[in-house]
Amino acid sequence: MSLTEDIRACRLCATDFGATATAHAPRPVVWFRPGARILIAGQAPGARVHASGRPFTDPSGDRLRNWMGVDEATFYDLDRIAIVPMAFCFPGYDAKGADLPPPARCARTWRERIMAELGTPALTLLVGGAAQRWHLGARNVTQTVAGWQNHAPRVFPLPHPSWRNTAWLKRNPWFEAELIPALRDRVKEAL
């Protein structure tokens, strides 16, 4: 079995997911191929992605593609872009309807093998706090994203592109004024 087939067959979190407010079964969403030029390290699939089986098939994906300056065909080209979240399955909602965090066991189980198989991409986008903690040891998303130049040109830390972060984007206008143009230039170079 290949690594992607192993991940697709994973059911490590079945009991945990069954106990969530959504009471769903695992459905790992796997979207990577060795040699991809860009790695998007995200959080975990949301409910829409769980249903579609394809990463970022939601408004967050629209926003992320806009930030990157790429169309859907480029974004979903496995030879160009690998999308490897910290957890491959939708973790579910809590009793109040909020997304649960990515289960840490997923990254512990799969991350090192995936990174070894991917090789070294020209560009890595760290989308959200979980990816930034794993890859950079960062604890504060705002500080990490504000210090993006410390990691560029190979790594760009980004906030999650969720609608929930619209207020964050308004409070931090430097993100769209400074980081996004640099990110788009770097994406073009990497592709």
C-alpha atoms as a PDB file:
ATOM      1  CA  MET A   1       0.000   0.000   0.000  1.00  0.00           C
ATOM      2  CA  SER A   2       1.171   3.550  -0.701  1.00  0.00           C
ATOM      3  CA  LEU A   3       1.329   6.209   1.987  1.00  0.00           C
ATOM      4  CA  THR A   4      -1.737   7.979   0.563  1.00  0.00           C
ATOM      5  CA  GLU A   5      -3.682   4.703   0.586  1.00  0.00           C
ATOM      6  CA  ASP A   6      -2.609   4.072   4.191  1.00  0.00           C
ATOM      7  CA  ILE A   7      -3.859   7.524   5.207  1.00  0.00           C
ATOM      8  CA  ARG A   8      -7.157   7.096   3.353  1.00  0.00           C
ATOM      9  CA  ALA A   9      -7.694   3.824   5.230  1.00  0.00           C
ATOM     10  CA  CYS A  10      -6.927   5.372   8.641  1.00  0.00           C
ATOM     11  CA  ARG A  11      -9.629   5.013  11.297  1.00  0.00           C
ATOM     12  CA  LEU A  12      -7.617   5.954  14.410  1.00  0.00           C
ATOM     13  CA  CYS A  13     -10.133   8.620  15.448  1.00  0.00           C
ATOM     14  CA  ALA A  14     -13.366   6.723  14.702  1.00  0.00           C
ATOM     15  CA  THR A  15     -14.401   6.433  18.357  1.00  0.00           C
ATOM     16  CA  ASP A  16     -13.587  10.091  19.053  1.00  0.00           C
ATOM     17  CA  PHE A  17     -15.483  11.347  15.999  1.00  0.00           C
ATOM     18  CA  GLY A  18     -18.443   9.144  16.850  1.00  0.00           C
ATOM     19  CA  ALA A  19     -18.619  10.872  20.245  1.00  0.00           C
ATOM     20  CA  THR A  20     -18.753  14.411  18.803  1.00  0.00           C
ATOM     21  CA  ALA A  21     -21.923  16.447  18.267  1.00  0.00           C
ATOM     22  CA  THR A  22     -21.720  15.475  14.580  1.00  0.00           C
ATOM     23  CA  ALA A  23     -21.228  11.738  15.318  1.00  0.00           C
ATOM     24  CA  HIS A  24     -19.486  11.204  11.982  1.00  0.00           C
ATOM     25  CA  ALA A  25     -17.081   8.595  10.676  1.00  0.00           C
ATOM     26  CA  PRO A  26     -13.513   9.367   9.555  1.00  0.00           C
ATOM     27  CA  ARG A  27     -13.019  10.357   5.935  1.00  0.00           C
ATOM     28  CA  PRO A  28      -9.375  11.316   5.406  1.00  0.00           C
ATOM     29  CA  VAL A  29      -8.960  13.918   2.678  1.00  0.00           C
ATOM     30  CA  VAL A  30      -5.560  13.264   1.117  1.00  0.00           C
ATOM     31  CA  TRP A  31      -4.149  15.651  -1.519  1.00  0.00           C
ATOM     32  CA  PHE A  32      -0.412  15.422  -2.073  1.00  0.00           C
ATOM     33  CA  ARG A  33       2.161  13.923  -4.370  1.00  0.00           C
ATOM     34  CA  PRO A  34       5.962  13.877  -3.984  1.00  0.00           C
ATOM     35  CA  GLY A  35       7.684  16.651  -5.900  1.00  0.00           C
ATOM     36  CA  ALA A  36       4.986  19.302  -5.483  1.00  0.00           C
ATOM     37  CA  ARG A  37       6.488  22.785  -5.606  1.00  0.00           C
ATOM     38  CA  ILE A  38       4.255  24.303  -2.916  1.00  0.00           C
ATOM     39  CA  LEU A  39       3.132  22.770   0.374  1.00  0.00           C
ATOM     40  CA  ILE A  40       0.025  24.112   2.050  1.00  0.00           C
ATOM     41  CA  ALA A  41       0.099  22.957   5.666  1.00  0.00           C
ATOM     42  CA  GLY A  42      -3.391  23.595   6.997  1.00  0.00           C
ATOM     43  CA  GLN A  43      -5.485  22.779  10.045  1.00  0.00           C
ATOM     44  CA  ALA A  44      -8.098  20.082   9.301  1.00  0.00           C
ATOM     45  CA  PRO A  45     -10.945  19.699   6.816  1.00  0.00           C
ATOM     46  CA  GLY A  46     -14.241  21.351   7.615  1.00  0.00           C
ATOM     47  CA  ALA A  47     -17.684  19.833   7.165  1.00  0.00           C
ATOM     48  CA  ARG A  48     -17.934  20.864   3.481  1.00  0.00           C
ATOM     49  CA  VAL A  49     -14.562  19.341   2.685  1.00  0.00           C
ATOM     50  CA  HIS A  50     -15.561  16.189   4.581  1.00  0.00           C
ATOM     51  CA  ALA A  51     -18.576  15.947   2.280  1.00  0.00           C
ATOM     52  CA  SER A  52     -16.697  16.748  -0.944  1.00  0.00           C
ATOM     53  CA  GLY A  53     -13.514  14.766  -0.279  1.00  0.00           C
ATOM     54  CA  ARG A  54     -11.453  17.589  -1.801  1.00  0.00           C
ATOM     55  CA  PRO A  55      -9.530  20.162   0.302  1.00  0.00           C
ATOM     56  CA  PHE A  56     -10.600  23.785   0.524  1.00  0.00           C
ATOM     57  CA  THR A  57     -13.896  23.346  -1.381  1.00  0.00           C
ATOM     58  CA  ASP A  58     -15.455  26.095   0.690  1.00  0.00           C
ATOM     59  CA  PRO A  59     -15.241  29.891   1.105  1.00  0.00           C
ATOM     60  CA  SER A  60     -11.928  29.444   2.966  1.00  0.00           C
ATOM     61  CA  GLY A  61     -10.514  27.884  -0.192  1.00  0.00           C
ATOM     62  CA  ASP A  62     -11.786  30.774  -2.292  1.00  0.00           C
ATOM     63  CA  ARG A  63     -10.039  33.221   0.019  1.00  0.00           C
ATOM     64  CA  LEU A  64      -6.813  31.184   0.129  1.00  0.00           C
ATOM     65  CA  ARG A  65      -6.668  30.905  -3.676  1.00  0.00           C
ATOM     66  CA  ASN A  66      -7.216  34.670  -3.878  1.00  0.00           C
ATOM     67  CA  TRP A  67      -4.386  35.291  -1.401  1.00  0.00           C
ATOM     68  CA  MET A  68      -2.122  33.053  -3.478  1.00  0.00           C
ATOM     69  CA  GLY A  69      -3.229  34.535  -6.807  1.00  0.00           C
ATOM     70  CA  VAL A  70      -3.986  31.118  -8.351  1.00  0.00           C
ATOM     71  CA  ASP A  71      -6.991  29.603 -10.079  1.00  0.00           C
ATOM     72  CA  GLU A  72      -8.658  26.326  -9.118  1.00  0.00           C
ATOM     73  CA  ALA A  73      -6.890  24.306 -11.822  1.00  0.00           C
ATOM     74  CA  THR A  74      -3.481  25.378 -10.516  1.00  0.00           C
ATOM     75  CA  PHE A  75      -4.503  24.961  -6.874  1.00  0.00           C
ATOM     76  CA  TYR A  76      -5.637  21.365  -7.391  1.00  0.00           C
ATOM     77  CA  ASP A  77      -2.704  20.336  -9.626  1.00  0.00           C
ATOM     78  CA  LEU A  78      -1.013  17.652  -7.504  1.00  0.00           C
ATOM     79  CA  ASP A  79       2.284  18.137  -9.317  1.00  0.00           C
ATOM     80  CA  ARG A  80       2.331  21.779  -8.271  1.00  0.00           C
ATOM     81  CA  ILE A  81       0.587  22.030  -4.904  1.00  0.00           C
ATOM     82  CA  ALA A  82       0.415  19.563  -1.991  1.00  0.00           C
ATOM     83  CA  ILE A  83      -2.248  20.186   0.635  1.00  0.00           C
ATOM     84  CA  VAL A  84      -1.307  18.462   3.874  1.00  0.00           C
ATOM     85  CA  PRO A  85      -3.357  19.493   6.912  1.00  0.00           C
ATOM     86  CA  MET A  86      -2.373  18.737  10.487  1.00  0.00           C
ATOM     87  CA  ALA A  87      -5.304  16.302  10.532  1.00  0.00           C
ATOM     88  CA  PHE A  88      -6.814  14.667   7.464  1.00  0.00           C
ATOM     89  CA  CYS A  89     -10.362  14.276   8.778  1.00  0.00           C
ATOM     90  CA  PHE A  90     -13.046  16.718   9.838  1.00  0.00           C
ATOM     91  CA  PRO A  91     -12.731  16.650  13.649  1.00  0.00           C
ATOM     92  CA  GLY A  92     -16.390  17.558  14.202  1.00  0.00           C
ATOM     93  CA  TYR A  93     -18.145  20.264  16.170  1.00  0.00           C
ATOM     94  CA  ASP A  94     -18.399  20.723  19.871  1.00  0.00           C
ATOM     95  CA  ALA A  95     -21.779  21.056  21.602  1.00  0.00           C
ATOM     96  CA  LYS A  96     -21.862  24.797  20.763  1.00  0.00           C
ATOM     97  CA  GLY A  97     -21.232  24.231  17.037  1.00  0.00           C
ATOM     98  CA  ALA A  98     -17.583  25.336  17.002  1.00  0.00           C
ATOM     99  CA  ASP A  99     -14.945  23.363  15.088  1.00  0.00           C
ATOM    100  CA  LEU A 100     -12.975  20.993  17.251  1.00  0.00           C
ATOM    101  CA  PRO A 101      -9.173  21.287  16.962  1.00  0.00           C
ATOM    102  CA  PRO A 102      -7.242  18.897  14.713  1.00  0.00           C
ATOM    103  CA  PRO A 103      -6.536  15.684  16.656  1.00  0.00           C
ATOM    104  CA  ALA A 104      -2.826  15.698  17.511  1.00  0.00           C
ATOM    105  CA  ARG A 105      -2.567  11.927  16.930  1.00  0.00           C
ATOM    106  CA  CYS A 106      -3.016  12.487  13.196  1.00  0.00           C
ATOM    107  CA  ALA A 107       0.128  14.609  12.876  1.00  0.00           C
ATOM    108  CA  ARG A 108       2.048  12.316  15.228  1.00  0.00           C
ATOM    109  CA  THR A 109       1.054   9.318  13.115  1.00  0.00           C
ATOM    110  CA  TRP A 110       1.551  10.669   9.591  1.00  0.00           C
ATOM    111  CA  ARG A 111       3.427  13.989   9.415  1.00  0.00           C
ATOM    112  CA  GLU A 112       7.055  12.836   9.410  1.00  0.00           C
ATOM    113  CA  ARG A 113       6.424  10.138   6.798  1.00  0.00           C
ATOM    114  CA  ILE A 114       4.608  12.621   4.573  1.00  0.00           C
ATOM    115  CA  MET A 115       7.292  15.275   4.877  1.00  0.00           C
ATOM    116  CA  ALA A 116       9.978  12.705   4.029  1.00  0.00           C
ATOM    117  CA  GLU A 117       8.016  11.568   0.969  1.00  0.00           C
ATOM    118  CA  LEU A 118       7.273  15.121  -0.233  1.00  0.00           C
ATOM    119  CA  GLY A 119      10.877  16.235  -0.246  1.00  0.00           C
ATOM    120  CA  THR A 120      11.606  19.937   0.097  1.00  0.00           C
ATOM    121  CA  PRO A 121       9.050  22.145  -1.641  1.00  0.00           C
ATOM    122  CA  ALA A 122      10.137  25.549  -2.912  1.00  0.00           C
ATOM    123  CA  LEU A 123       7.465  27.216  -0.767  1.00  0.00           C
ATOM    124  CA  THR A 124       5.521  26.222   2.346  1.00  0.00           C
ATOM    125  CA  LEU A 125       2.375  28.039   3.495  1.00  0.00           C
ATOM    126  CA  LEU A 126       1.562  27.509   7.170  1.00  0.00           C
ATOM    127  CA  VAL A 127      -2.173  28.145   7.400  1.00  0.00           C
ATOM    128  CA  GLY A 128      -3.360  28.645  10.976  1.00  0.00           C
ATOM    129  CA  GLY A 129      -2.043  28.069  14.449  1.00  0.00           C
ATOM    130  CA  ALA A 130      -1.790  24.266  14.451  1.00  0.00           C
ATOM    131  CA  ALA A 131       0.483  24.233  11.386  1.00  0.00           C
ATOM    132  CA  GLN A 132       2.560  27.117  12.734  1.00  0.00           C
ATOM    133  CA  ARG A 133       3.017  25.345  16.094  1.00  0.00           C
ATOM    134  CA  TRP A 134       4.133  22.099  14.417  1.00  0.00           C
ATOM    135  CA  HIS A 135       6.496  23.614  11.844  1.00  0.00           C
ATOM    136  CA  LEU A 136       7.808  26.686  13.678  1.00  0.00           C
ATOM    137  CA  GLY A 137       7.050  26.086  17.346  1.00  0.00           C
ATOM    138  CA  ALA A 138       5.040  29.318  17.205  1.00  0.00           C
ATOM    139  CA  ARG A 139       2.380  30.021  19.820  1.00  0.00           C
ATOM    140  CA  ASN A 140       0.739  33.253  18.676  1.00  0.00           C
ATOM    141  CA  VAL A 141      -0.727  33.453  15.162  1.00  0.00           C
ATOM    142  CA  THR A 142      -0.775  37.251  14.993  1.00  0.00           C
ATOM    143  CA  GLN A 143       2.854  37.572  16.077  1.00  0.00           C
ATOM    144  CA  THR A 144       3.951  34.757  13.778  1.00  0.00           C
ATOM    145  CA  VAL A 145       2.150  36.162  10.746  1.00  0.00           C
ATOM    146  CA  ALA A 146       3.356  39.698  11.563  1.00  0.00           C
ATOM    147  CA  GLY A 147       6.920  38.329  11.553  1.00  0.00           C
ATOM    148  CA  TRP A 148       6.437  36.658   8.165  1.00  0.00           C
ATOM    149  CA  GLN A 149       9.621  38.225   6.776  1.00  0.00           C
ATOM    150  CA  ASN A 150      11.624  36.186   9.314  1.00  0.00           C
ATOM    151  CA  HIS A 151      10.546  33.030   7.456  1.00  0.00           C
ATOM    152  CA  ALA A 152      10.230  34.228   3.842  1.00  0.00           C
ATOM    153  CA  PRO A 153      10.984  33.434   1.085  1.00  0.00           C
ATOM    154  CA  ARG A 154      10.624  29.665   1.749  1.00  0.00           C
ATOM    155  CA  VAL A 155       7.871  29.806   4.402  1.00  0.00           C
ATOM    156  CA  PHE A 156       4.853  32.083   4.741  1.00  0.00           C
ATOM    157  CA  PRO A 157       2.771  31.839   7.928  1.00  0.00           C
ATOM    158  CA  LEU A 158      -0.855  32.808   7.262  1.00  0.00           C
ATOM    159  CA  PRO A 159      -3.980  33.158   9.376  1.00  0.00           C
ATOM    160  CA  HIS A 160      -6.692  30.668   8.569  1.00  0.00           C
ATOM    161  CA  PRO A 161      -8.707  32.028   5.603  1.00  0.00           C
ATOM    162  CA  SER A 162     -11.998  31.289   7.375  1.00  0.00           C
ATOM    163  CA  TRP A 163     -14.759  33.899   7.458  1.00  0.00           C
ATOM    164  CA  ARG A 164     -14.273  33.787  11.241  1.00  0.00           C
ATOM    165  CA  ASN A 165     -11.006  35.685  10.711  1.00  0.00           C
ATOM    166  CA  THR A 166     -12.549  38.590   8.783  1.00  0.00           C
ATOM    167  CA  ALA A 167     -12.315  40.800  11.890  1.00  0.00           C
ATOM    168  CA  TRP A 168      -8.636  39.826  12.269  1.00  0.00           C
ATOM    169  CA  LEU A 169      -7.998  40.887   8.664  1.00  0.00           C
ATOM    170  CA  LYS A 170      -9.667  44.266   9.311  1.00  0.00           C
ATOM    171  CA  ARG A 171      -7.577  44.799  12.457  1.00  0.00           C
ATOM    172  CA  ASN A 172      -4.377  43.926  10.579  1.00  0.00           C
ATOM    173  CA  PRO A 173      -4.483  45.816   7.252  1.00  0.00           C
ATOM    174  CA  TRP A 174      -0.716  45.242   6.772  1.00  0.00           C
ATOM    175  CA  PHE A 175      -1.566  41.617   5.957  1.00  0.00           C
ATOM    176  CA  GLU A 176      -3.283  42.428   2.668  1.00  0.00           C
ATOM    177  CA  ALA A 177      -1.129  45.491   1.955  1.00  0.00           C
ATOM    178  CA  GLU A 178       2.300  43.914   2.542  1.00  0.00           C
ATOM    179  CA  LEU A 179       2.194  40.138   2.932  1.00  0.00           C
ATOM    180  CA  ILE A 180      -0.280  39.241   0.171  1.00  0.00           C
ATOM    181  CA  PRO A 181       1.663  40.956  -2.676  1.00  0.00           C
ATOM    182  CA  ALA A 182       4.887  39.264  -1.502  1.00  0.00           C
ATOM    183  CA  LEU A 183       3.077  35.930  -1.225  1.00  0.00           C
ATOM    184  CA  ARG A 184       1.653  36.180  -4.749  1.00  0.00           C
ATOM    185  CA  ASP A 185       5.088  36.986  -6.169  1.00  0.00           C
ATOM    186  CA  ARG A 186       6.610  34.049  -4.327  1.00  0.00           C
ATOM    187  CA  VAL A 187       3.844  31.661  -5.448  1.00  0.00           C
ATOM    188  CA  LYS A 188       4.501  32.649  -9.080  1.00  0.00           C
ATOM    189  CA  GLU A 189       8.232  31.997  -8.615  1.00  0.00           C
ATOM    190  CA  ALA A 190       7.634  28.639  -6.938  1.00  0.00           C
ATOM    191  CA  LEU A 191       5.245  27.444  -9.634  1.00  0.00           C
END
